[in-house]
Amino acid sequence: MKVVERWKVRGIRGAITVSENSVEAIKDAVNELLDDVEFRNQLDPEDIVSTVFTTTKDLDAIFPAAIARQRSKWENVPLL
C-alpha cells in the first residue's frame, strides 16, 4: 500500500510600514512582519516554498530579504 503525503500549499500576503529609511528600522519591520506571519499562520519556515519582498523606492538602506536570510530556519527559504 502506497502512502501519499498531502501538502498544504497556500499564499500569504503581508505588509508593514517602516518608520524611516535605515537598516535598523527596516530590520525591525521585517522581523515584526515575519514573526507575525509565522505566528498567525502557524508556519514553520522550513515549510515555506518561497518568499517575495517588495519595497517602495524610498526604502533602499537594505533589502528585506537580507534580513530574512539571517533569521533562524530561513537559511534555505528561496527569497526574492
PDB file of N, CA and C in Angstrom:
ATOM      1  N   MET A   1       0.849  -1.184   0.000  1.00  0.00           N
ATOM      2  CA  MET A   1       0.000   0.000   0.000  1.00  0.00           C
ATOM      3  C   MET A   1       0.889   1.239   0.000  1.00  0.00           C
ATOM      4  N   LYS A   2       0.637   2.141  -0.907  1.00  0.00           N
ATOM      5  CA  LYS A   2       1.421   3.361  -1.024  1.00  0.00           C
ATOM      6  C   LYS A   2       0.761   4.479  -0.220  1.00  0.00           C
ATOM      7  N   VAL A   3       1.561   5.135   0.612  1.00  0.00           N
ATOM      8  CA  VAL A   3       1.062   6.251   1.410  1.00  0.00           C
ATOM      9  C   VAL A   3       1.444   7.547   0.706  1.00  0.00           C
ATOM     10  N   VAL A   4       0.473   8.386   0.482  1.00  0.00           N
ATOM     11  CA  VAL A   4       0.707   9.671  -0.166  1.00  0.00           C
ATOM     12  C   VAL A   4       0.594  10.761   0.886  1.00  0.00           C
ATOM     13  N   GLU A   5       1.666  11.521   1.030  1.00  0.00           N
ATOM     14  CA  GLU A   5       1.644  12.630   1.977  1.00  0.00           C
ATOM     15  C   GLU A   5       0.976  13.828   1.321  1.00  0.00           C
ATOM     16  N   ARG A   6       0.071  14.447   2.028  1.00  0.00           N
ATOM     17  CA  ARG A   6      -0.618  15.622   1.493  1.00  0.00           C
ATOM     18  C   ARG A   6       0.067  16.881   1.991  1.00  0.00           C
ATOM     19  N   TRP A   7       0.373  17.766   1.067  1.00  0.00           N
ATOM     20  CA  TRP A   7       0.992  19.038   1.408  1.00  0.00           C
ATOM     21  C   TRP A   7      -0.062  20.127   1.390  1.00  0.00           C
ATOM     22  N   LYS A   8       0.063  21.034   2.326  1.00  0.00           N
ATOM     23  CA  LYS A   8      -0.782  22.217   2.303  1.00  0.00           C
ATOM     24  C   LYS A   8       0.002  23.312   1.596  1.00  0.00           C
ATOM     25  N   VAL A   9      -0.581  23.873   0.570  1.00  0.00           N
ATOM     26  CA  VAL A   9       0.047  24.972  -0.148  1.00  0.00           C
ATOM     27  C   VAL A   9      -0.883  26.169  -0.034  1.00  0.00           C
ATOM     28  N   ARG A  10      -0.322  27.290   0.357  1.00  0.00           N
ATOM     29  CA  ARG A  10      -1.150  28.486   0.484  1.00  0.00           C
ATOM     30  C   ARG A  10      -0.296  29.718   0.220  1.00  0.00           C
ATOM     31  N   GLY A  11      -0.929  30.736  -0.256  1.00  0.00           N
ATOM     32  CA  GLY A  11      -0.259  32.015  -0.471  1.00  0.00           C
ATOM     33  C   GLY A  11      -0.651  32.964   0.646  1.00  0.00           C
ATOM     34  N   ILE A  12       0.314  33.693   1.139  1.00  0.00           N
ATOM     35  CA  ILE A  12       0.071  34.635   2.230  1.00  0.00           C
ATOM     36  C   ILE A  12       0.686  35.966   1.838  1.00  0.00           C
ATOM     37  N   ARG A  13      -0.035  37.029   2.082  1.00  0.00           N
ATOM     38  CA  ARG A  13       0.486  38.366   1.808  1.00  0.00           C
ATOM     39  C   ARG A  13       0.581  39.116   3.120  1.00  0.00           C
ATOM     40  N   GLY A  14       1.657  39.836   3.286  1.00  0.00           N
ATOM     41  CA  GLY A  14       1.825  40.672   4.468  1.00  0.00           C
ATOM     42  C   GLY A  14       2.375  42.024   4.060  1.00  0.00           C
ATOM     43  N   ALA A  15       2.089  43.027   4.841  1.00  0.00           N
ATOM     44  CA  ALA A  15       2.613  44.367   4.570  1.00  0.00           C
ATOM     45  C   ALA A  15       2.840  45.074   5.898  1.00  0.00           C
ATOM     46  N   ILE A  16       3.775  45.996   5.885  1.00  0.00           N
ATOM     47  CA  ILE A  16       4.085  46.743   7.101  1.00  0.00           C
ATOM     48  C   ILE A  16       4.621  48.111   6.707  1.00  0.00           C
ATOM     49  N   THR A  17       4.498  49.062   7.595  1.00  0.00           N
ATOM     50  CA  THR A  17       5.038  50.400   7.390  1.00  0.00           C
ATOM     51  C   THR A  17       6.377  50.501   8.108  1.00  0.00           C
ATOM     52  N   VAL A  18       7.339  51.123   7.454  1.00  0.00           N
ATOM     53  CA  VAL A  18       8.662  51.325   8.044  1.00  0.00           C
ATOM     54  C   VAL A  18       8.795  52.799   8.415  1.00  0.00           C
ATOM     55  N   SER A  19       9.270  53.062   9.626  1.00  0.00           N
ATOM     56  CA  SER A  19       9.309  54.428  10.147  1.00  0.00           C
ATOM     57  C   SER A  19      10.308  55.341   9.447  1.00  0.00           C
ATOM     58  N   GLU A  20      11.418  54.772   8.953  1.00  0.00           N
ATOM     59  CA  GLU A  20      12.440  55.577   8.286  1.00  0.00           C
ATOM     60  C   GLU A  20      13.307  54.683   7.412  1.00  0.00           C
ATOM     61  N   ASN A  21      14.051  55.276   6.517  1.00  0.00           N
ATOM     62  CA  ASN A  21      14.931  54.533   5.624  1.00  0.00           C
ATOM     63  C   ASN A  21      16.280  54.289   6.308  1.00  0.00           C
ATOM     64  N   SER A  22      16.290  53.362   7.249  1.00  0.00           N
ATOM     65  CA  SER A  22      17.537  52.985   7.920  1.00  0.00           C
ATOM     66  C   SER A  22      17.571  51.469   8.041  1.00  0.00           C
ATOM     67  N   VAL A  23      18.770  50.917   8.129  1.00  0.00           N
ATOM     68  CA  VAL A  23      18.911  49.468   8.268  1.00  0.00           C
ATOM     69  C   VAL A  23      18.157  48.987   9.502  1.00  0.00           C
ATOM     70  N   GLU A  24      18.297  49.691  10.607  1.00  0.00           N
ATOM     71  CA  GLU A  24      17.656  49.271  11.859  1.00  0.00           C
ATOM     72  C   GLU A  24      16.130  49.291  11.751  1.00  0.00           C
ATOM     73  N   ALA A  25      15.570  50.341  11.157  1.00  0.00           N
ATOM     74  CA  ALA A  25      14.111  50.436  11.025  1.00  0.00           C
ATOM     75  C   ALA A  25      13.575  49.343  10.104  1.00  0.00           C
ATOM     76  N   ILE A  26      14.268  49.085   9.010  1.00  0.00           N
ATOM     77  CA  ILE A  26      13.827  48.040   8.083  1.00  0.00           C
ATOM     78  C   ILE A  26      13.971  46.672   8.739  1.00  0.00           C
ATOM     79  N   LYS A  27      15.063  46.458   9.451  1.00  0.00           N
ATOM     80  CA  LYS A  27      15.268  45.187  10.162  1.00  0.00           C
ATOM     81  C   LYS A  27      14.147  44.946  11.168  1.00  0.00           C
ATOM     82  N   ASP A  28      13.821  45.950  11.964  1.00  0.00           N
ATOM     83  CA  ASP A  28      12.744  45.812  12.951  1.00  0.00           C
ATOM     84  C   ASP A  28      11.415  45.489  12.274  1.00  0.00           C
ATOM     85  N   ALA A  29      11.123  46.181  11.178  1.00  0.00           N
ATOM     86  CA  ALA A  29       9.854  45.975  10.480  1.00  0.00           C
ATOM     87  C   ALA A  29       9.775  44.583   9.858  1.00  0.00           C
ATOM     88  N   VAL A  30      10.850  44.142   9.213  1.00  0.00           N
ATOM     89  CA  VAL A  30      10.860  42.811   8.592  1.00  0.00           C
ATOM     90  C   VAL A  30      10.679  41.735   9.652  1.00  0.00           C
ATOM     91  N   ASN A  31      11.401  41.843  10.753  1.00  0.00           N
ATOM     92  CA  ASN A  31      11.278  40.833  11.807  1.00  0.00           C
ATOM     93  C   ASN A  31       9.887  40.833  12.438  1.00  0.00           C
ATOM     94  N   GLU A  32       9.315  42.012  12.636  1.00  0.00           N
ATOM     95  CA  GLU A  32       7.954  42.088  13.167  1.00  0.00           C
ATOM     96  C   GLU A  32       6.962  41.428  12.208  1.00  0.00           C
ATOM     97  N   LEU A  33       7.086  41.734  10.929  1.00  0.00           N
ATOM     98  CA  LEU A  33       6.184  41.170   9.927  1.00  0.00           C
ATOM     99  C   LEU A  33       6.314  39.650   9.851  1.00  0.00           C
ATOM    100  N   LEU A  34       7.541  39.148   9.757  1.00  0.00           N
ATOM    101  CA  LEU A  34       7.725  37.702   9.617  1.00  0.00           C
ATOM    102  C   LEU A  34       7.343  36.951  10.890  1.00  0.00           C
ATOM    103  N   ASP A  35       7.617  37.537  12.060  1.00  0.00           N
ATOM    104  CA  ASP A  35       7.162  36.923  13.317  1.00  0.00           C
ATOM    105  C   ASP A  35       5.645  36.781  13.309  1.00  0.00           C
ATOM    106  N   ASP A  36       4.963  37.837  12.891  1.00  0.00           N
ATOM    107  CA  ASP A  36       3.503  37.839  12.876  1.00  0.00           C
ATOM    108  C   ASP A  36       2.950  36.848  11.851  1.00  0.00           C
ATOM    109  N   VAL A  37       3.532  36.818  10.666  1.00  0.00           N
ATOM    110  CA  VAL A  37       3.086  35.879   9.626  1.00  0.00           C
ATOM    111  C   VAL A  37       3.275  34.435  10.096  1.00  0.00           C
ATOM    112  N   GLU A  38       4.427  34.133  10.677  1.00  0.00           N
ATOM    113  CA  GLU A  38       4.682  32.772  11.172  1.00  0.00           C
ATOM    114  C   GLU A  38       3.689  32.400  12.273  1.00  0.00           C
ATOM    115  N   PHE A  39       3.487  33.307  13.233  1.00  0.00           N
ATOM    116  CA  PHE A  39       2.615  33.021  14.373  1.00  0.00           C
ATOM    117  C   PHE A  39       1.150  32.877  13.953  1.00  0.00           C
ATOM    118  N   ARG A  40       0.632  33.858  13.236  1.00  0.00           N
ATOM    119  CA  ARG A  40      -0.788  33.845  12.872  1.00  0.00           C
ATOM    120  C   ARG A  40      -1.164  32.688  11.953  1.00  0.00           C
ATOM    121  N   ASN A  41      -0.215  32.252  11.142  1.00  0.00           N
ATOM    122  CA  ASN A  41      -0.491  31.179  10.189  1.00  0.00           C
ATOM    123  C   ASN A  41       0.097  29.842  10.613  1.00  0.00           C
ATOM    124  N   GLN A  42       0.662  29.808  11.818  1.00  0.00           N
ATOM    125  CA  GLN A  42       1.260  28.586  12.369  1.00  0.00           C
ATOM    126  C   GLN A  42       2.223  27.958  11.367  1.00  0.00           C
ATOM    127  N   LEU A  43       3.121  28.787  10.837  1.00  0.00           N
ATOM    128  CA  LEU A  43       4.071  28.347   9.819  1.00  0.00           C
ATOM    129  C   LEU A  43       5.440  28.074  10.417  1.00  0.00           C
ATOM    130  N   ASP A  44       6.051  27.028   9.946  1.00  0.00           N
ATOM    131  CA  ASP A  44       7.455  26.757  10.219  1.00  0.00           C
ATOM    132  C   ASP A  44       8.194  27.184   8.956  1.00  0.00           C
ATOM    133  N   PRO A  45       9.195  28.044   9.066  1.00  0.00           N
ATOM    134  CA  PRO A  45       9.909  28.490   7.868  1.00  0.00           C
ATOM    135  C   PRO A  45      10.417  27.348   6.991  1.00  0.00           C
ATOM    136  N   GLU A  46      10.671  26.200   7.565  1.00  0.00           N
ATOM    137  CA  GLU A  46      11.128  25.055   6.778  1.00  0.00           C
ATOM    138  C   GLU A  46      10.055  24.556   5.811  1.00  0.00           C
ATOM    139  N   ASP A  47       8.804  24.972   6.011  1.00  0.00           N
ATOM    140  CA  ASP A  47       7.704  24.576   5.131  1.00  0.00           C
ATOM    141  C   ASP A  47       7.368  25.641   4.083  1.00  0.00           C
ATOM    142  N   ILE A  48       8.077  26.747   4.088  1.00  0.00           N
ATOM    143  CA  ILE A  48       7.813  27.834   3.142  1.00  0.00           C
ATOM    144  C   ILE A  48       8.558  27.554   1.842  1.00  0.00           C
ATOM    145  N   VAL A  49       7.836  27.589   0.718  1.00  0.00           N
ATOM    146  CA  VAL A  49       8.471  27.268  -0.569  1.00  0.00           C
ATOM    147  C   VAL A  49       9.146  28.476  -1.213  1.00  0.00           C
ATOM    148  N   SER A  50       8.691  29.680  -0.918  1.00  0.00           N
ATOM    149  CA  SER A  50       9.373  30.880  -1.406  1.00  0.00           C
ATOM    150  C   SER A  50       8.748  32.116  -0.769  1.00  0.00           C
ATOM    151  N   THR A  51       9.510  33.202  -0.784  1.00  0.00           N
ATOM    152  CA  THR A  51       9.034  34.473  -0.255  1.00  0.00           C
ATOM    153  C   THR A  51       9.508  35.584  -1.182  1.00  0.00           C
ATOM    154  N   VAL A  52       8.609  36.492  -1.511  1.00  0.00           N
ATOM    155  CA  VAL A  52       8.933  37.622  -2.378  1.00  0.00           C
ATOM    156  C   VAL A  52       8.770  38.905  -1.567  1.00  0.00           C
ATOM    157  N   PHE A  53       9.804  39.725  -1.559  1.00  0.00           N
ATOM    158  CA  PHE A  53       9.768  41.009  -0.866  1.00  0.00           C
ATOM    159  C   PHE A  53       9.738  42.132  -1.891  1.00  0.00           C
ATOM    160  N   THR A  54       8.932  43.136  -1.626  1.00  0.00           N
ATOM    161  CA  THR A  54       8.931  44.349  -2.439  1.00  0.00           C
ATOM    162  C   THR A  54       8.995  45.541  -1.497  1.00  0.00           C
ATOM    163  N   THR A  55       9.519  46.640  -1.996  1.00  0.00           N
ATOM    164  CA  THR A  55       9.574  47.872  -1.210  1.00  0.00           C
ATOM    165  C   THR A  55       9.270  49.051  -2.128  1.00  0.00           C
ATOM    166  N   THR A  56       8.997  50.157  -1.504  1.00  0.00           N
ATOM    167  CA  THR A  56       8.857  51.387  -2.273  1.00  0.00           C
ATOM    168  C   THR A  56      10.255  51.935  -2.572  1.00  0.00           C
ATOM    169  N   LYS A  57      10.349  52.823  -3.552  1.00  0.00           N
ATOM    170  CA  LYS A  57      11.651  53.347  -3.991  1.00  0.00           C
ATOM    171  C   LYS A  57      12.428  54.048  -2.882  1.00  0.00           C
ATOM    172  N   ASP A  58      11.723  54.631  -1.919  1.00  0.00           N
ATOM    173  CA  ASP A  58      12.400  55.401  -0.875  1.00  0.00           C
ATOM    174  C   ASP A  58      13.058  54.526   0.197  1.00  0.00           C
ATOM    175  N   LEU A  59      12.786  53.231   0.212  1.00  0.00           N
ATOM    176  CA  LEU A  59      13.397  52.330   1.200  1.00  0.00           C
ATOM    177  C   LEU A  59      14.510  51.533   0.531  1.00  0.00           C
ATOM    178  N   ASP A  60      15.714  52.066   0.614  1.00  0.00           N
ATOM    179  CA  ASP A  60      16.833  51.415  -0.058  1.00  0.00           C
ATOM    180  C   ASP A  60      18.058  51.206   0.840  1.00  0.00           C
ATOM    181  N   ALA A  61      17.900  51.362   2.140  1.00  0.00           N
ATOM    182  CA  ALA A  61      19.029  51.181   3.061  1.00  0.00           C
ATOM    183  C   ALA A  61      19.493  49.725   3.093  1.00  0.00           C
ATOM    184  N   ILE A  62      18.556  48.803   2.972  1.00  0.00           N
ATOM    185  CA  ILE A  62      18.854  47.373   2.915  1.00  0.00           C
ATOM    186  C   ILE A  62      17.640  46.673   2.316  1.00  0.00           C
ATOM    187  N   PHE A  63      17.872  45.587   1.606  1.00  0.00           N
ATOM    188  CA  PHE A  63      16.745  44.852   1.030  1.00  0.00           C
ATOM    189  C   PHE A  63      16.202  43.880   2.078  1.00  0.00           C
ATOM    190  N   PRO A  64      14.892  43.796   2.256  1.00  0.00           N
ATOM    191  CA  PRO A  64      14.300  42.951   3.293  1.00  0.00           C
ATOM    192  C   PRO A  64      14.735  41.485   3.255  1.00  0.00           C
ATOM    193  N   ALA A  65      14.996  40.947   2.087  1.00  0.00           N
ATOM    194  CA  ALA A  65      15.419  39.543   2.007  1.00  0.00           C
ATOM    195  C   ALA A  65      16.738  39.312   2.740  1.00  0.00           C
ATOM    196  N   ALA A  66      17.596  40.319   2.774  1.00  0.00           N
ATOM    197  CA  ALA A  66      18.866  40.186   3.501  1.00  0.00           C
ATOM    198  C   ALA A  66      18.617  40.016   4.996  1.00  0.00           C
ATOM    199  N   ILE A  67      17.583  40.635   5.497  1.00  0.00           N
ATOM    200  CA  ILE A  67      17.210  40.482   6.911  1.00  0.00           C
ATOM    201  C   ILE A  67      16.602  39.103   7.134  1.00  0.00           C
ATOM    202  N   ALA A  68      15.690  38.707   6.266  1.00  0.00           N
ATOM    203  CA  ALA A  68      15.042  37.394   6.407  1.00  0.00           C
ATOM    204  C   ALA A  68      16.064  36.267   6.384  1.00  0.00           C
ATOM    205  N   ARG A  69      17.071  36.392   5.551  1.00  0.00           N
ATOM    206  CA  ARG A  69      18.080  35.335   5.419  1.00  0.00           C
ATOM    207  C   ARG A  69      18.816  35.087   6.737  1.00  0.00           C
ATOM    208  N   GLN A  70      18.881  36.075   7.606  1.00  0.00           N
ATOM    209  CA  GLN A  70      19.580  35.953   8.883  1.00  0.00           C
ATOM    210  C   GLN A  70      18.727  35.291   9.964  1.00  0.00           C
ATOM    211  N   ARG A  71      17.454  35.106   9.701  1.00  0.00           N
ATOM    212  CA  ARG A  71      16.553  34.537  10.702  1.00  0.00           C
ATOM    213  C   ARG A  71      16.750  33.033  10.836  1.00  0.00           C
ATOM    214  N   SER A  72      16.473  32.541  12.028  1.00  0.00           N
ATOM    215  CA  SER A  72      16.551  31.105  12.282  1.00  0.00           C
ATOM    216  C   SER A  72      15.584  30.358  11.371  1.00  0.00           C
ATOM    217  N   LYS A  73      16.049  29.303  10.749  1.00  0.00           N
ATOM    218  CA  LYS A  73      15.294  28.426   9.857  1.00  0.00           C
ATOM    219  C   LYS A  73      14.970  29.050   8.498  1.00  0.00           C
ATOM    220  N   TRP A  74      15.462  30.240   8.216  1.00  0.00           N
ATOM    221  CA  TRP A  74      15.218  30.883   6.927  1.00  0.00           C
ATOM    222  C   TRP A  74      16.401  30.718   5.976  1.00  0.00           C
ATOM    223  N   GLU A  75      17.410  29.964   6.378  1.00  0.00           N
ATOM    224  CA  GLU A  75      18.619  29.808   5.566  1.00  0.00           C
ATOM    225  C   GLU A  75      18.337  29.179   4.208  1.00  0.00           C
ATOM    226  N   ASN A  76      17.353  28.300   4.140  1.00  0.00           N
ATOM    227  CA  ASN A  76      17.078  27.557   2.905  1.00  0.00           C
ATOM    228  C   ASN A  76      15.793  27.973   2.198  1.00  0.00           C
ATOM    229  N   VAL A  77      15.140  29.021   2.688  1.00  0.00           N
ATOM    230  CA  VAL A  77      13.923  29.509   2.036  1.00  0.00           C
ATOM    231  C   VAL A  77      14.332  30.344   0.821  1.00  0.00           C
ATOM    232  N   PRO A  78      13.833  30.022  -0.371  1.00  0.00           N
ATOM    233  CA  PRO A  78      14.140  30.857  -1.533  1.00  0.00           C
ATOM    234  C   PRO A  78      13.543  32.257  -1.352  1.00  0.00           C
ATOM    235  N   LEU A  79      14.384  33.271  -1.482  1.00  0.00           N
ATOM    236  CA  LEU A  79      13.960  34.653  -1.258  1.00  0.00           C
ATOM    237  C   LEU A  79      14.205  35.495  -2.503  1.00  0.00           C
ATOM    238  N   LEU A  80      13.237  36.334  -2.825  1.00  0.00           N
ATOM    239  CA  LEU A  80      13.381  37.319  -3.906  1.00  0.00           C
ATOM    240  C   LEU A  80      13.130  38.697  -3.330  1.00  0.00           C
TER     241      LEU A  80
END
